[in-house]
Amino acid sequence: ESLSLSSNGLSGVIPEEIGNLQNLRSLNLRNNGLKTIIPEEIGNLQNLNSLDLSFNYLHGSIPNEIGNLQNLQSLYLNNGGLSGSIPKELGNLQNLQDLVLTDNKLVGSIPMELGNLQNLETLGLNINNLTGTIPAELGNLQNLHTLGLSSNNLTGFIPAELGKLQNL
């Protein structure tokens, strides 16, 4: 149920066959030398509650299929080099508590669908190339303790709705 290969010298790619591990609840490949895309087959891991691919040499975009992981509680894709936009499908992850996409090359706007993540406690989007405004919908995240949006290219006003986030 758990595959932890963190802090090794692993290289190469994440094999798409990883999507066959139907009983997997935790996948931790953090802090290796993986030079890879995130295979869309990860979206087949319906029992997964923790996914940590941070501190690798990820490239490409975050697959929309990650939005299928209804049991996911933590998603760490930070410090990896990912590009493209943040998939709005991440807003489907109702059990998500930690979403950390810090220090990548993500572009586009912050999806308003992230405001659907009622259990979210940590949202880290720092150090990317995100543009547009801060969605007012983030004010719906009543359990949020940490909101990191620094070092992007966001414009507009600070939404008054952020004042509802009493746990910050």
C-alpha atoms as a PDB file:
ATOM      1  CA  GLU A   1       0.000   0.000   0.000  1.00  0.00           C
ATOM      2  CA  SER A   2       3.030   2.282   0.319  1.00  0.00           C
ATOM      3  CA  LEU A   3       5.936   2.849  -2.059  1.00  0.00           C
ATOM      4  CA  SER A   4       8.628   5.123  -0.633  1.00  0.00           C
ATOM      5  CA  LEU A   5      11.818   5.590  -2.635  1.00  0.00           C
ATOM      6  CA  SER A   6      12.598   9.095  -1.442  1.00  0.00           C
ATOM      7  CA  SER A   7      16.078  10.603  -1.052  1.00  0.00           C
ATOM      8  CA  ASN A   8      17.956   8.189  -3.260  1.00  0.00           C
ATOM      9  CA  GLY A   9      19.929   8.675  -6.449  1.00  0.00           C
ATOM     10  CA  LEU A  10      17.196   7.367  -8.734  1.00  0.00           C
ATOM     11  CA  SER A  11      17.222   8.655 -12.314  1.00  0.00           C
ATOM     12  CA  GLY A  12      15.236   8.092 -15.465  1.00  0.00           C
ATOM     13  CA  VAL A  13      11.457   8.313 -15.686  1.00  0.00           C
ATOM     14  CA  ILE A  14       8.421   7.340 -13.654  1.00  0.00           C
ATOM     15  CA  PRO A  15       7.143   4.271 -15.530  1.00  0.00           C
ATOM     16  CA  GLU A  16       3.541   4.480 -16.741  1.00  0.00           C
ATOM     17  CA  GLU A  17       3.060   0.979 -15.298  1.00  0.00           C
ATOM     18  CA  ILE A  18       2.974   2.598 -11.860  1.00  0.00           C
ATOM     19  CA  GLY A  19      -0.699   3.168 -12.699  1.00  0.00           C
ATOM     20  CA  ASN A  20      -1.260  -0.585 -12.273  1.00  0.00           C
ATOM     21  CA  LEU A  21      -0.675  -0.454  -8.486  1.00  0.00           C
ATOM     22  CA  GLN A  22      -4.349  -0.315  -7.594  1.00  0.00           C
ATOM     23  CA  ASN A  23      -3.861  -0.797  -3.835  1.00  0.00           C
ATOM     24  CA  LEU A  24      -1.268   1.951  -3.502  1.00  0.00           C
ATOM     25  CA  ARG A  25      -2.141   4.545  -0.860  1.00  0.00           C
ATOM     26  CA  SER A  26       1.160   6.428  -0.665  1.00  0.00           C
ATOM     27  CA  LEU A  27       3.695   7.147  -3.413  1.00  0.00           C
ATOM     28  CA  ASN A  28       6.810   9.024  -2.318  1.00  0.00           C
ATOM     29  CA  LEU A  29       9.545   9.577  -4.920  1.00  0.00           C
ATOM     30  CA  ARG A  30      10.719  12.845  -3.359  1.00  0.00           C
ATOM     31  CA  ASN A  31      14.306  14.064  -3.709  1.00  0.00           C
ATOM     32  CA  ASN A  32      15.735  11.929  -6.476  1.00  0.00           C
ATOM     33  CA  GLY A  33      17.174  12.650  -9.903  1.00  0.00           C
ATOM     34  CA  LEU A  34      14.100  11.656 -11.903  1.00  0.00           C
ATOM     35  CA  LYS A  35      13.945  13.504 -15.244  1.00  0.00           C
ATOM     36  CA  THR A  36      10.392  12.769 -16.227  1.00  0.00           C
ATOM     37  CA  ILE A  37       6.906  13.855 -16.983  1.00  0.00           C
ATOM     38  CA  ILE A  38       4.175  12.830 -14.571  1.00  0.00           C
ATOM     39  CA  PRO A  39       2.521   9.895 -16.333  1.00  0.00           C
ATOM     40  CA  GLU A  40      -1.236  10.340 -16.765  1.00  0.00           C
ATOM     41  CA  GLU A  41      -1.626   6.739 -15.555  1.00  0.00           C
ATOM     42  CA  ILE A  42      -1.104   8.043 -12.017  1.00  0.00           C
ATOM     43  CA  GLY A  43      -4.758   9.051 -12.346  1.00  0.00           C
ATOM     44  CA  ASN A  44      -5.651   5.329 -12.140  1.00  0.00           C
ATOM     45  CA  LEU A  45      -4.494   5.070  -8.508  1.00  0.00           C
ATOM     46  CA  GLN A  46      -7.938   5.487  -6.978  1.00  0.00           C
ATOM     47  CA  ASN A  47      -6.815   4.558  -3.448  1.00  0.00           C
ATOM     48  CA  LEU A  48      -3.918   7.012  -3.361  1.00  0.00           C
ATOM     49  CA  ASN A  49      -4.040   9.463  -0.478  1.00  0.00           C
ATOM     50  CA  SER A  50      -0.482  10.839  -0.650  1.00  0.00           C
ATOM     51  CA  LEU A  51       1.605  11.722  -3.718  1.00  0.00           C
ATOM     52  CA  ASP A  52       5.028  13.337  -3.351  1.00  0.00           C
ATOM     53  CA  LEU A  53       7.156  13.846  -6.461  1.00  0.00           C
ATOM     54  CA  SER A  54       8.887  16.990  -5.228  1.00  0.00           C
ATOM     55  CA  PHE A  55      12.571  17.812  -5.672  1.00  0.00           C
ATOM     56  CA  ASN A  56      12.996  15.985  -8.980  1.00  0.00           C
ATOM     57  CA  TYR A  57      13.526  17.226 -12.531  1.00  0.00           C
ATOM     58  CA  LEU A  58       9.894  17.091 -13.600  1.00  0.00           C
ATOM     59  CA  HIS A  59       8.908  18.594 -16.908  1.00  0.00           C
ATOM     60  CA  GLY A  60       5.735  18.922 -18.897  1.00  0.00           C
ATOM     61  CA  SER A  61       2.431  19.759 -17.306  1.00  0.00           C
ATOM     62  CA  ILE A  62       0.391  18.416 -14.409  1.00  0.00           C
ATOM     63  CA  PRO A  63      -1.888  15.765 -15.922  1.00  0.00           C
ATOM     64  CA  ASN A  64      -5.620  16.485 -15.671  1.00  0.00           C
ATOM     65  CA  GLU A  65      -6.046  12.853 -14.587  1.00  0.00           C
ATOM     66  CA  ILE A  66      -4.715  13.699 -11.118  1.00  0.00           C
ATOM     67  CA  GLY A  67      -8.159  15.233 -10.636  1.00  0.00           C
ATOM     68  CA  ASN A  68      -9.547  11.659 -10.585  1.00  0.00           C
ATOM     69  CA  LEU A  69      -7.798  10.820  -7.297  1.00  0.00           C
ATOM     70  CA  GLN A  70     -10.778  11.332  -5.004  1.00  0.00           C
ATOM     71  CA  ASN A  71      -8.991   9.974  -1.915  1.00  0.00           C
ATOM     72  CA  LEU A  72      -5.924  12.196  -2.284  1.00  0.00           C
ATOM     73  CA  GLN A  73      -5.110  14.185   0.854  1.00  0.00           C
ATOM     74  CA  SER A  74      -1.652  15.519   0.003  1.00  0.00           C
ATOM     75  CA  LEU A  75      -0.110  16.471  -3.335  1.00  0.00           C
ATOM     76  CA  TYR A  76       3.484  17.693  -3.377  1.00  0.00           C
ATOM     77  CA  LEU A  77       4.855  18.584  -6.815  1.00  0.00           C
ATOM     78  CA  ASN A  78       7.122  21.399  -5.677  1.00  0.00           C
ATOM     79  CA  ASN A  79      10.658  22.198  -6.812  1.00  0.00           C
ATOM     80  CA  GLY A  80      10.390  20.304 -10.040  1.00  0.00           C
ATOM     81  CA  GLY A  81      10.296  22.405 -13.204  1.00  0.00           C
ATOM     82  CA  LEU A  82       6.686  21.711 -14.219  1.00  0.00           C
ATOM     83  CA  SER A  83       5.204  23.998 -16.857  1.00  0.00           C
ATOM     84  CA  GLY A  84       1.757  24.606 -18.278  1.00  0.00           C
ATOM     85  CA  SER A  85      -1.248  25.689 -16.290  1.00  0.00           C
ATOM     86  CA  ILE A  86      -2.744  24.382 -13.059  1.00  0.00           C
ATOM     87  CA  PRO A  87      -5.511  21.965 -14.099  1.00  0.00           C
ATOM     88  CA  LYS A  88      -8.968  23.060 -12.965  1.00  0.00           C
ATOM     89  CA  GLU A  89      -9.608  19.347 -12.316  1.00  0.00           C
ATOM     90  CA  LEU A  90      -7.591  19.679  -9.100  1.00  0.00           C
ATOM     91  CA  GLY A  91     -10.727  21.372  -7.768  1.00  0.00           C
ATOM     92  CA  ASN A  92     -12.371  17.911  -7.735  1.00  0.00           C
ATOM     93  CA  LEU A  93     -10.080  16.649  -4.958  1.00  0.00           C
ATOM     94  CA  GLN A  94     -12.501  17.133  -2.069  1.00  0.00           C
ATOM     95  CA  ASN A  95     -10.288  15.356   0.489  1.00  0.00           C
ATOM     96  CA  LEU A  96      -7.152  17.329  -0.344  1.00  0.00           C
ATOM     97  CA  GLN A  97      -5.482  18.976   2.655  1.00  0.00           C
ATOM     98  CA  ASP A  98      -2.101  19.964   1.193  1.00  0.00           C
ATOM     99  CA  LEU A  99      -1.528  21.231  -2.341  1.00  0.00           C
ATOM    100  CA  VAL A 100       2.055  22.366  -2.854  1.00  0.00           C
ATOM    101  CA  LEU A 101       3.147  23.375  -6.362  1.00  0.00           C
ATOM    102  CA  THR A 102       5.829  25.855  -5.275  1.00  0.00           C
ATOM    103  CA  ASP A 103       8.936  26.606  -7.355  1.00  0.00           C
ATOM    104  CA  ASN A 104       7.959  25.389 -10.793  1.00  0.00           C
ATOM    105  CA  LYS A 105       7.369  27.160 -14.112  1.00  0.00           C
ATOM    106  CA  LEU A 106       3.572  27.109 -14.003  1.00  0.00           C
ATOM    107  CA  VAL A 107       1.765  29.739 -16.068  1.00  0.00           C
ATOM    108  CA  GLY A 108      -1.759  31.017 -16.514  1.00  0.00           C
ATOM    109  CA  SER A 109      -4.248  31.940 -13.862  1.00  0.00           C
ATOM    110  CA  ILE A 110      -5.085  30.307 -10.552  1.00  0.00           C
ATOM    111  CA  PRO A 111      -8.191  28.197 -11.253  1.00  0.00           C
ATOM    112  CA  MET A 112     -11.238  29.398  -9.333  1.00  0.00           C
ATOM    113  CA  GLU A 113     -12.113  25.708  -8.890  1.00  0.00           C
ATOM    114  CA  LEU A 114      -9.444  25.506  -6.174  1.00  0.00           C
ATOM    115  CA  GLY A 115     -12.012  27.326  -4.039  1.00  0.00           C
ATOM    116  CA  ASN A 116     -13.959  24.026  -3.926  1.00  0.00           C
ATOM    117  CA  LEU A 117     -11.301  22.342  -1.776  1.00  0.00           C
ATOM    118  CA  GLN A 118     -13.084  22.687   1.557  1.00  0.00           C
ATOM    119  CA  ASN A 119     -10.550  20.559   3.481  1.00  0.00           C
ATOM    120  CA  LEU A 120      -7.480  22.372   2.168  1.00  0.00           C
ATOM    121  CA  GLU A 121      -5.071  23.510   4.888  1.00  0.00           C
ATOM    122  CA  THR A 122      -2.006  24.407   2.797  1.00  0.00           C
ATOM    123  CA  LEU A 123      -1.964  25.981  -0.666  1.00  0.00           C
ATOM    124  CA  GLY A 124       1.531  26.687  -1.945  1.00  0.00           C
ATOM    125  CA  LEU A 125       1.789  28.311  -5.376  1.00  0.00           C
ATOM    126  CA  ASN A 126       4.846  30.495  -4.693  1.00  0.00           C
ATOM    127  CA  ILE A 127       7.670  30.976  -7.199  1.00  0.00           C
ATOM    128  CA  ASN A 128       5.911  30.291 -10.484  1.00  0.00           C
ATOM    129  CA  ASN A 129       4.886  32.462 -13.434  1.00  0.00           C
ATOM    130  CA  LEU A 130       1.186  32.677 -12.589  1.00  0.00           C
ATOM    131  CA  THR A 131      -0.726  35.657 -13.950  1.00  0.00           C
ATOM    132  CA  GLY A 132      -4.160  37.183 -13.598  1.00  0.00           C
ATOM    133  CA  THR A 133      -5.993  37.965 -10.403  1.00  0.00           C
ATOM    134  CA  ILE A 134      -6.300  36.128  -7.105  1.00  0.00           C
ATOM    135  CA  PRO A 135      -9.634  34.285  -7.315  1.00  0.00           C
ATOM    136  CA  ALA A 136     -12.197  35.461  -4.770  1.00  0.00           C
ATOM    137  CA  GLU A 137     -13.210  31.788  -4.444  1.00  0.00           C
ATOM    138  CA  LEU A 138     -10.083  31.162  -2.360  1.00  0.00           C
ATOM    139  CA  GLY A 139     -12.033  32.875   0.410  1.00  0.00           C
ATOM    140  CA  ASN A 140     -14.125  29.668   0.639  1.00  0.00           C
ATOM    141  CA  LEU A 141     -11.162  27.706   2.024  1.00  0.00           C
ATOM    142  CA  GLN A 142     -12.166  27.962   5.678  1.00  0.00           C
ATOM    143  CA  ASN A 143      -9.585  25.399   6.875  1.00  0.00           C
ATOM    144  CA  LEU A 144      -6.646  27.116   5.172  1.00  0.00           C
ATOM    145  CA  HIS A 145      -3.665  27.726   7.486  1.00  0.00           C
ATOM    146  CA  THR A 146      -1.066  28.601   4.842  1.00  0.00           C
ATOM    147  CA  LEU A 147      -1.555  30.481   1.575  1.00  0.00           C
ATOM    148  CA  GLY A 148       1.562  31.092  -0.487  1.00  0.00           C
ATOM    149  CA  LEU A 149       1.233  33.144  -3.665  1.00  0.00           C
ATOM    150  CA  SER A 150       4.483  35.128  -3.564  1.00  0.00           C
ATOM    151  CA  SER A 151       6.926  35.507  -6.462  1.00  0.00           C
ATOM    152  CA  ASN A 152       4.431  35.269  -9.310  1.00  0.00           C
ATOM    153  CA  ASN A 153       3.071  37.868 -11.732  1.00  0.00           C
ATOM    154  CA  LEU A 154      -0.372  38.303 -10.173  1.00  0.00           C
ATOM    155  CA  THR A 155      -2.228  41.578 -10.723  1.00  0.00           C
ATOM    156  CA  GLY A 156      -5.416  43.278  -9.588  1.00  0.00           C
ATOM    157  CA  PHE A 157      -6.758  43.658  -6.093  1.00  0.00           C
ATOM    158  CA  ILE A 158      -6.459  41.528  -2.970  1.00  0.00           C
ATOM    159  CA  PRO A 159      -9.930  39.963  -2.736  1.00  0.00           C
ATOM    160  CA  ALA A 160     -11.890  41.019   0.342  1.00  0.00           C
ATOM    161  CA  GLU A 161     -13.038  37.372   0.585  1.00  0.00           C
ATOM    162  CA  LEU A 162      -9.582  36.436   1.895  1.00  0.00           C
ATOM    163  CA  GLY A 163     -10.669  38.169   5.102  1.00  0.00           C
ATOM    164  CA  LYS A 164     -12.906  35.141   5.775  1.00  0.00           C
ATOM    165  CA  LEU A 165      -9.853  32.897   6.205  1.00  0.00           C
ATOM    166  CA  GLN A 166      -9.731  33.031   9.989  1.00  0.00           C
ATOM    167  CA  ASN A 167      -7.120  30.249  10.290  1.00  0.00           C
ATOM    168  CA  LEU A 168      -4.403  32.120   8.385  1.00  0.00           C
END
